[in-house]
PDB file of N, CA and C in Angstrom:
ATOM      1  N   MET A   1     -78.569  35.996 -28.329  1.00  0.00           N
ATOM      2  CA  MET A   1     -78.268  35.270 -27.240  1.00  0.00           C
ATOM      3  C   MET A   1     -78.368  34.159 -27.853  1.00  0.00           C
ATOM      4  N   ALA A   2     -77.746  33.182 -27.138  1.00  0.00           N
ATOM      5  CA  ALA A   2     -77.649  31.480 -27.412  1.00  0.00           C
ATOM      6  C   ALA A   2     -78.771  30.790 -26.505  1.00  0.00           C
ATOM      7  N   GLY A   3     -79.547  30.393 -27.306  1.00  0.00           N
ATOM      8  CA  GLY A   3     -80.823  29.679 -26.472  1.00  0.00           C
ATOM      9  C   GLY A   3     -82.122  30.819 -26.368  1.00  0.00           C
ATOM     10  N   SER A   4     -81.918  31.728 -27.018  1.00  0.00           N
ATOM     11  CA  SER A   4     -83.335  32.308 -26.522  1.00  0.00           C
ATOM     12  C   SER A   4     -83.975  32.093 -27.975  1.00  0.00           C
ATOM     13  N   ARG A   5     -85.674  32.212 -27.439  1.00  0.00           N
ATOM     14  CA  ARG A   5     -86.687  32.215 -28.521  1.00  0.00           C
ATOM     15  C   ARG A   5     -86.710  33.553 -29.099  1.00  0.00           C
ATOM     16  N   PRO A   6     -87.498  33.861 -30.203  1.00  0.00           N
ATOM     17  CA  PRO A   6     -87.923  34.943 -30.656  1.00  0.00           C
ATOM     18  C   PRO A   6     -89.130  34.948 -29.810  1.00  0.00           C
ATOM     19  N   ARG A   7     -89.589  36.575 -29.824  1.00  0.00           N
ATOM     20  CA  ARG A   7     -90.888  36.753 -28.689  1.00  0.00           C
ATOM     21  C   ARG A   7     -92.072  37.208 -30.018  1.00  0.00           C
ATOM     22  N   ARG A   8     -91.864  37.174 -31.166  1.00  0.00           N
ATOM     23  CA  ARG A   8     -92.732  37.217 -32.156  1.00  0.00           C
ATOM     24  C   ARG A   8     -92.672  35.898 -33.101  1.00  0.00           C
ATOM     25  N   PRO A   9     -93.920  35.693 -33.825  1.00  0.00           N
ATOM     26  CA  PRO A   9     -93.553  34.250 -34.328  1.00  0.00           C
ATOM     27  C   PRO A   9     -92.746  34.678 -36.022  1.00  0.00           C
ATOM     28  N   TYR A  10     -92.010  34.106 -36.247  1.00  0.00           N
ATOM     29  CA  TYR A  10     -90.982  33.798 -37.095  1.00  0.00           C
ATOM     30  C   TYR A  10     -91.565  33.812 -38.429  1.00  0.00           C
ATOM     31  N   ALA A  11     -91.382  34.246 -39.524  1.00  0.00           N
ATOM     32  CA  ALA A  11     -91.836  33.923 -40.949  1.00  0.00           C
ATOM     33  C   ALA A  11     -90.660  33.799 -41.978  1.00  0.00           C
ATOM     34  N   TYR A  12     -89.896  33.036 -41.760  1.00  0.00           N
ATOM     35  CA  TYR A  12     -88.839  32.710 -43.265  1.00  0.00           C
ATOM     36  C   TYR A  12     -89.206  31.707 -43.748  1.00  0.00           C
ATOM     37  N   ALA A  13     -89.503  31.957 -44.884  1.00  0.00           N
ATOM     38  CA  ALA A  13     -90.365  30.760 -45.979  1.00  0.00           C
ATOM     39  C   ALA A  13     -89.388  29.378 -45.808  1.00  0.00           C
ATOM     40  N   GLY A  14     -88.264  29.478 -45.691  1.00  0.00           N
ATOM     41  CA  GLY A  14     -87.410  28.365 -45.739  1.00  0.00           C
ATOM     42  C   GLY A  14     -87.484  27.689 -44.715  1.00  0.00           C
ATOM     43  N   SER A  15     -88.499  28.007 -42.893  1.00  0.00           N
ATOM     44  CA  SER A  15     -88.208  27.445 -42.047  1.00  0.00           C
ATOM     45  C   SER A  15     -89.445  26.890 -41.490  1.00  0.00           C
ATOM     46  N   ARG A  16     -90.686  27.617 -42.213  1.00  0.00           N
ATOM     47  CA  ARG A  16     -91.763  27.509 -41.828  1.00  0.00           C
ATOM     48  C   ARG A  16     -92.564  25.928 -41.520  1.00  0.00           C
ATOM     49  N   HIS A  17     -91.549  24.966 -41.883  1.00  0.00           N
ATOM     50  CA  HIS A  17     -91.893  23.613 -41.694  1.00  0.00           C
ATOM     51  C   HIS A  17     -91.233  23.277 -40.575  1.00  0.00           C
ATOM     52  N   ARG A  18     -90.467  23.922 -39.697  1.00  0.00           N
ATOM     53  CA  ARG A  18     -90.049  23.477 -38.902  1.00  0.00           C
ATOM     54  C   ARG A  18     -90.447  24.199 -37.230  1.00  0.00           C
ATOM     55  N   MET A  19     -91.186  25.245 -37.521  1.00  0.00           N
ATOM     56  CA  MET A  19     -91.324  26.022 -36.287  1.00  0.00           C
ATOM     57  C   MET A  19     -92.689  26.687 -36.514  1.00  0.00           C
ATOM     58  N   PRO A  20     -93.488  27.199 -35.735  1.00  0.00           N
ATOM     59  CA  PRO A  20     -94.822  28.028 -35.750  1.00  0.00           C
ATOM     60  C   PRO A  20     -94.668  28.847 -36.707  1.00  0.00           C
ATOM     61  N   TYR A  21     -95.601  29.300 -37.201  1.00  0.00           N
ATOM     62  CA  TYR A  21     -95.468  30.288 -38.596  1.00  0.00           C
ATOM     63  C   TYR A  21     -96.864  31.015 -38.696  1.00  0.00           C
ATOM     64  N   ARG A  22     -96.689  32.139 -39.029  1.00  0.00           N
ATOM     65  CA  ARG A  22     -97.894  33.077 -38.894  1.00  0.00           C
ATOM     66  C   ARG A  22     -97.256  33.864 -40.172  1.00  0.00           C
ATOM     67  N   ASN A  23     -98.764  33.799 -41.227  1.00  0.00           N
ATOM     68  CA  ASN A  23     -98.555  34.608 -42.351  1.00  0.00           C
ATOM     69  C   ASN A  23     -98.968  36.323 -41.766  1.00  0.00           C
ATOM     70  N   SER A  24     -98.506  37.272 -41.982  1.00  0.00           N
ATOM     71  CA  SER A  24     -98.396  38.756 -41.824  1.00  0.00           C
ATOM     72  C   SER A  24     -99.484  39.221 -42.676  1.00  0.00           C
ATOM     73  N   ILE A  25     -98.938  39.016 -43.870  1.00  0.00           N
ATOM     74  CA  ILE A  25     -99.784  39.469 -45.388  1.00  0.00           C
ATOM     75  C   ILE A  25    -101.336  38.874 -45.029  1.00  0.00           C
ATOM     76  N   ALA A  26    -101.788  37.628 -44.759  1.00  0.00           N
ATOM     77  CA  ALA A  26    -102.927  36.930 -44.418  1.00  0.00           C
ATOM     78  C   ALA A  26    -103.573  37.877 -43.495  1.00  0.00           C
ATOM     79  N   HIS A  27    -102.915  38.091 -42.258  1.00  0.00           N
ATOM     80  CA  HIS A  27    -103.499  38.672 -41.023  1.00  0.00           C
ATOM     81  C   HIS A  27    -103.908  40.115 -41.304  1.00  0.00           C
ATOM     82  N   ALA A  28    -103.241  40.747 -41.939  1.00  0.00           N
ATOM     83  CA  ALA A  28    -103.419  41.837 -42.640  1.00  0.00           C
ATOM     84  C   ALA A  28    -104.670  42.200 -43.782  1.00  0.00           C
ATOM     85  N   ALA A  29    -104.879  40.982 -44.372  1.00  0.00           N
ATOM     86  CA  ALA A  29    -106.043  41.066 -45.247  1.00  0.00           C
ATOM     87  C   ALA A  29    -107.390  41.106 -44.681  1.00  0.00           C
ATOM     88  N   VAL A  30    -107.227  40.225 -43.485  1.00  0.00           N
ATOM     89  CA  VAL A  30    -108.393  40.515 -42.414  1.00  0.00           C
ATOM     90  C   VAL A  30    -108.938  41.917 -42.143  1.00  0.00           C
ATOM     91  N   VAL A  31    -107.774  42.630 -41.797  1.00  0.00           N
ATOM     92  CA  VAL A  31    -107.842  43.997 -40.989  1.00  0.00           C
ATOM     93  C   VAL A  31    -108.465  44.775 -42.305  1.00  0.00           C
ATOM     94  N   ILE A  32    -107.551  44.476 -43.467  1.00  0.00           N
ATOM     95  CA  ILE A  32    -108.117  45.804 -44.822  1.00  0.00           C
ATOM     96  C   ILE A  32    -109.571  45.215 -44.808  1.00  0.00           C
ATOM     97  N   ASP A  33    -109.730  43.990 -45.167  1.00  0.00           N
ATOM     98  CA  ASP A  33    -111.305  43.562 -45.385  1.00  0.00           C
ATOM     99  C   ASP A  33    -112.285  44.197 -44.431  1.00  0.00           C
ATOM    100  N   ALA A  34    -111.909  44.093 -43.152  1.00  0.00           N
ATOM    101  CA  ALA A  34    -112.568  45.011 -42.249  1.00  0.00           C
ATOM    102  C   ALA A  34    -112.929  46.471 -42.145  1.00  0.00           C
ATOM    103  N   LEU A  35    -111.909  46.998 -42.541  1.00  0.00           N
ATOM    104  CA  LEU A  35    -111.606  48.535 -42.786  1.00  0.00           C
ATOM    105  C   LEU A  35    -112.404  48.935 -44.140  1.00  0.00           C
ATOM    106  N   GLU A  36    -112.379  47.565 -45.045  1.00  0.00           N
ATOM    107  CA  GLU A  36    -113.272  48.499 -46.318  1.00  0.00           C
ATOM    108  C   GLU A  36    -114.447  48.144 -45.941  1.00  0.00           C
ATOM    109  N   ARG A  37    -114.906  47.394 -45.394  1.00  0.00           N
ATOM    110  CA  ARG A  37    -116.429  47.437 -44.921  1.00  0.00           C
ATOM    111  C   ARG A  37    -116.998  48.316 -43.991  1.00  0.00           C
ATOM    112  N   TRP A  38    -116.215  48.849 -43.223  1.00  0.00           N
ATOM    113  CA  TRP A  38    -116.542  50.226 -42.153  1.00  0.00           C
ATOM    114  C   TRP A  38    -116.318  51.461 -42.799  1.00  0.00           C
ATOM    115  N   PHE A  39    -115.688  51.706 -43.607  1.00  0.00           N
ATOM    116  CA  PHE A  39    -115.664  52.791 -44.127  1.00  0.00           C
ATOM    117  C   PHE A  39    -117.029  53.550 -44.916  1.00  0.00           C
ATOM    118  N   PRO A  40    -118.160  52.723 -45.346  1.00  0.00           N
ATOM    119  CA  PRO A  40    -119.325  53.239 -45.982  1.00  0.00           C
ATOM    120  C   PRO A  40    -120.034  53.497 -44.634  1.00  0.00           C
ATOM    121  N   GLU A  41    -119.930  52.440 -43.794  1.00  0.00           N
ATOM    122  CA  GLU A  41    -120.602  52.926 -42.517  1.00  0.00           C
ATOM    123  C   GLU A  41    -120.510  54.159 -41.584  1.00  0.00           C
ATOM    124  N   TYR A  42    -119.299  54.281 -41.736  1.00  0.00           N
ATOM    125  CA  TYR A  42    -118.523  55.325 -40.985  1.00  0.00           C
ATOM    126  C   TYR A  42    -119.255  56.746 -41.669  1.00  0.00           C
ATOM    127  N   ALA A  43    -118.818  56.807 -43.288  1.00  0.00           N
ATOM    128  CA  ALA A  43    -119.492  57.932 -43.985  1.00  0.00           C
ATOM    129  C   ALA A  43    -120.984  57.833 -43.786  1.00  0.00           C
ATOM    130  N   ALA A  44    -121.636  57.017 -44.041  1.00  0.00           N
ATOM    131  CA  ALA A  44    -123.011  57.183 -43.548  1.00  0.00           C
ATOM    132  C   ALA A  44    -123.251  57.631 -42.352  1.00  0.00           C
ATOM    133  N   ARG A  45    -122.640  57.420 -41.459  1.00  0.00           N
ATOM    134  CA  ARG A  45    -122.789  57.990 -39.602  1.00  0.00           C
ATOM    135  C   ARG A  45    -122.283  59.356 -39.761  1.00  0.00           C
ATOM    136  N   HIS A  46    -121.411  59.857 -40.465  1.00  0.00           N
ATOM    137  CA  HIS A  46    -120.715  61.110 -40.484  1.00  0.00           C
ATOM    138  C   HIS A  46    -120.719  62.558 -41.714  1.00  0.00           C
ATOM    139  N   THR A  47    -122.022  61.666 -42.252  1.00  0.00           N
ATOM    140  CA  THR A  47    -122.052  62.951 -43.251  1.00  0.00           C
ATOM    141  C   THR A  47    -122.914  63.939 -43.092  1.00  0.00           C
ATOM    142  N   ASP A  48    -122.587  65.110 -43.410  1.00  0.00           N
ATOM    143  CA  ASP A  48    -123.191  66.315 -43.078  1.00  0.00           C
ATOM    144  C   ASP A  48    -123.474  67.393 -44.394  1.00  0.00           C
ATOM    145  N   GLY A  49    -124.675  66.950 -44.838  1.00  0.00           N
ATOM    146  CA  GLY A  49    -124.800  68.212 -46.261  1.00  0.00           C
ATOM    147  C   GLY A  49    -123.926  67.160 -47.473  1.00  0.00           C
ATOM    148  N   LEU A  50    -123.200  68.025 -47.930  1.00  0.00           N
ATOM    149  CA  LEU A  50    -122.504  67.561 -49.002  1.00  0.00           C
ATOM    150  C   LEU A  50    -120.825  66.916 -48.460  1.00  0.00           C
ATOM    151  N   VAL A  51    -120.636  67.048 -47.165  1.00  0.00           N
ATOM    152  CA  VAL A  51    -119.618  66.751 -46.729  1.00  0.00           C
ATOM    153  C   VAL A  51    -119.664  65.201 -46.124  1.00  0.00           C
ATOM    154  N   ALA A  52    -119.086  64.274 -46.619  1.00  0.00           N
ATOM    155  CA  ALA A  52    -118.952  62.828 -46.478  1.00  0.00           C
ATOM    156  C   ALA A  52    -117.447  62.533 -46.223  1.00  0.00           C
ATOM    157  N   PRO A  53    -117.032  62.016 -45.139  1.00  0.00           N
ATOM    158  CA  PRO A  53    -115.725  61.280 -45.078  1.00  0.00           C
ATOM    159  C   PRO A  53    -115.743  60.228 -45.695  1.00  0.00           C
ATOM    160  N   GLN A  54    -114.629  59.929 -46.051  1.00  0.00           N
ATOM    161  CA  GLN A  54    -114.047  58.839 -47.170  1.00  0.00           C
ATOM    162  C   GLN A  54    -112.907  58.062 -46.658  1.00  0.00           C
ATOM    163  N   GLY A  55    -112.434  56.680 -47.171  1.00  0.00           N
ATOM    164  CA  GLY A  55    -111.456  56.204 -46.502  1.00  0.00           C
ATOM    165  C   GLY A  55    -111.076  55.060 -47.751  1.00  0.00           C
ATOM    166  N   ILE A  56    -110.041  54.710 -47.644  1.00  0.00           N
ATOM    167  CA  ILE A  56    -109.692  53.758 -48.571  1.00  0.00           C
ATOM    168  C   ILE A  56    -108.165  53.075 -48.260  1.00  0.00           C
ATOM    169  N   VAL A  57    -107.752  51.474 -48.068  1.00  0.00           N
ATOM    170  CA  VAL A  57    -106.553  51.579 -47.987  1.00  0.00           C
ATOM    171  C   VAL A  57    -106.266  51.233 -49.430  1.00  0.00           C
ATOM    172  N   SER A  58    -104.998  51.815 -49.313  1.00  0.00           N
ATOM    173  CA  SER A  58    -104.329  52.086 -50.788  1.00  0.00           C
ATOM    174  C   SER A  58    -102.937  51.448 -51.325  1.00  0.00           C
ATOM    175  N   SER A  59    -102.341  50.940 -50.119  1.00  0.00           N
ATOM    176  CA  SER A  59    -101.461  50.236 -50.160  1.00  0.00           C
ATOM    177  C   SER A  59    -100.747  49.621 -48.576  1.00  0.00           C
ATOM    178  N   VAL A  60    -100.003  48.536 -48.558  1.00  0.00           N
ATOM    179  CA  VAL A  60     -99.775  47.739 -47.630  1.00  0.00           C
ATOM    180  C   VAL A  60     -98.104  47.836 -47.636  1.00  0.00           C
ATOM    181  N   GLU A  61     -97.373  47.963 -46.451  1.00  0.00           N
ATOM    182  CA  GLU A  61     -95.807  47.741 -46.582  1.00  0.00           C
ATOM    183  C   GLU A  61     -95.623  46.930 -45.276  1.00  0.00           C
ATOM    184  N   GLY A  62     -94.554  46.375 -45.715  1.00  0.00           N
ATOM    185  CA  GLY A  62     -94.121  45.226 -44.456  1.00  0.00           C
ATOM    186  C   GLY A  62     -92.640  44.713 -44.558  1.00  0.00           C
ATOM    187  N   GLY A  63     -91.992  44.181 -43.661  1.00  0.00           N
ATOM    188  CA  GLY A  63     -90.960  43.603 -43.864  1.00  0.00           C
ATOM    189  C   GLY A  63     -89.541  44.346 -44.258  1.00  0.00           C
ATOM    190  N   ARG A  64     -88.419  43.799 -44.270  1.00  0.00           N
ATOM    191  CA  ARG A  64     -87.321  44.796 -44.390  1.00  0.00           C
ATOM    192  C   ARG A  64     -87.255  44.640 -46.201  1.00  0.00           C
ATOM    193  N   PRO A  65     -86.519  45.533 -46.686  1.00  0.00           N
ATOM    194  CA  PRO A  65     -86.291  45.748 -47.798  1.00  0.00           C
ATOM    195  C   PRO A  65     -85.213  44.625 -48.455  1.00  0.00           C
ATOM    196  N   ARG A  66     -84.640  44.391 -47.945  1.00  0.00           N
ATOM    197  CA  ARG A  66     -83.653  43.180 -48.369  1.00  0.00           C
ATOM    198  C   ARG A  66     -83.906  42.031 -48.110  1.00  0.00           C
ATOM    199  N   THR A  67     -84.670  41.764 -47.304  1.00  0.00           N
ATOM    200  CA  THR A  67     -85.150  40.205 -46.767  1.00  0.00           C
ATOM    201  C   THR A  67     -86.488  40.222 -46.852  1.00  0.00           C
ATOM    202  N   SER A  68     -87.035  39.583 -47.976  1.00  0.00           N
ATOM    203  CA  SER A  68     -88.412  39.533 -48.275  1.00  0.00           C
ATOM    204  C   SER A  68     -89.270  38.768 -47.474  1.00  0.00           C
ATOM    205  N   ALA A  69     -88.451  37.601 -46.994  1.00  0.00           N
ATOM    206  CA  ALA A  69     -89.405  36.566 -46.163  1.00  0.00           C
ATOM    207  C   ALA A  69     -89.395  37.078 -44.596  1.00  0.00           C
ATOM    208  N   SER A  70     -89.068  38.063 -44.366  1.00  0.00           N
ATOM    209  CA  SER A  70     -88.826  38.530 -42.694  1.00  0.00           C
ATOM    210  C   SER A  70     -89.890  39.423 -42.319  1.00  0.00           C
ATOM    211  N   PRO A  71     -90.321  39.213 -41.406  1.00  0.00           N
ATOM    212  CA  PRO A  71     -91.553  40.464 -41.222  1.00  0.00           C
ATOM    213  C   PRO A  71     -90.871  41.687 -40.105  1.00  0.00           C
ATOM    214  N   VAL A  72     -91.183  42.787 -40.204  1.00  0.00           N
ATOM    215  CA  VAL A  72     -90.509  43.378 -38.968  1.00  0.00           C
ATOM    216  C   VAL A  72     -91.720  44.278 -38.469  1.00  0.00           C
ATOM    217  N   PHE A  73     -91.844  44.214 -37.055  1.00  0.00           N
ATOM    218  CA  PHE A  73     -92.800  45.120 -36.350  1.00  0.00           C
ATOM    219  C   PHE A  73     -92.153  46.150 -35.807  1.00  0.00           C
ATOM    220  N   GLY A  74     -92.820  47.253 -36.151  1.00  0.00           N
ATOM    221  CA  GLY A  74     -92.462  48.692 -35.784  1.00  0.00           C
ATOM    222  C   GLY A  74     -91.379  49.084 -36.526  1.00  0.00           C
ATOM    223  N   HIS A  75     -91.433  48.961 -37.970  1.00  0.00           N
ATOM    224  CA  HIS A  75     -90.015  49.209 -38.624  1.00  0.00           C
ATOM    225  C   HIS A  75     -90.075  50.694 -38.932  1.00  0.00           C
ATOM    226  N   ARG A  76     -89.290  51.057 -38.774  1.00  0.00           N
ATOM    227  CA  ARG A  76     -89.104  52.920 -39.021  1.00  0.00           C
ATOM    228  C   ARG A  76     -87.966  53.166 -39.832  1.00  0.00           C
ATOM    229  N   ARG A  77     -88.187  54.079 -40.930  1.00  0.00           N
ATOM    230  CA  ARG A  77     -87.105  54.553 -41.613  1.00  0.00           C
ATOM    231  C   ARG A  77     -86.395  55.617 -41.139  1.00  0.00           C
TER     232      ARG A  77
END
């Protein structure tokens, strides 16, 4: 659509100097850090005998496979 604006922040590396920019990876790092701090607390509260729940962030996936500089929200395979 001509003249329409994207609803989400645009994250193409070649345009970050021309428009609002948001680094999705930096924001994901904040969430990952919070989860990593929360996992031991959750495990401590929910341990029963020898059973203790565990959690880990083992990978992060984002963007489009063919365009490494464009984030995709709600990407489905």
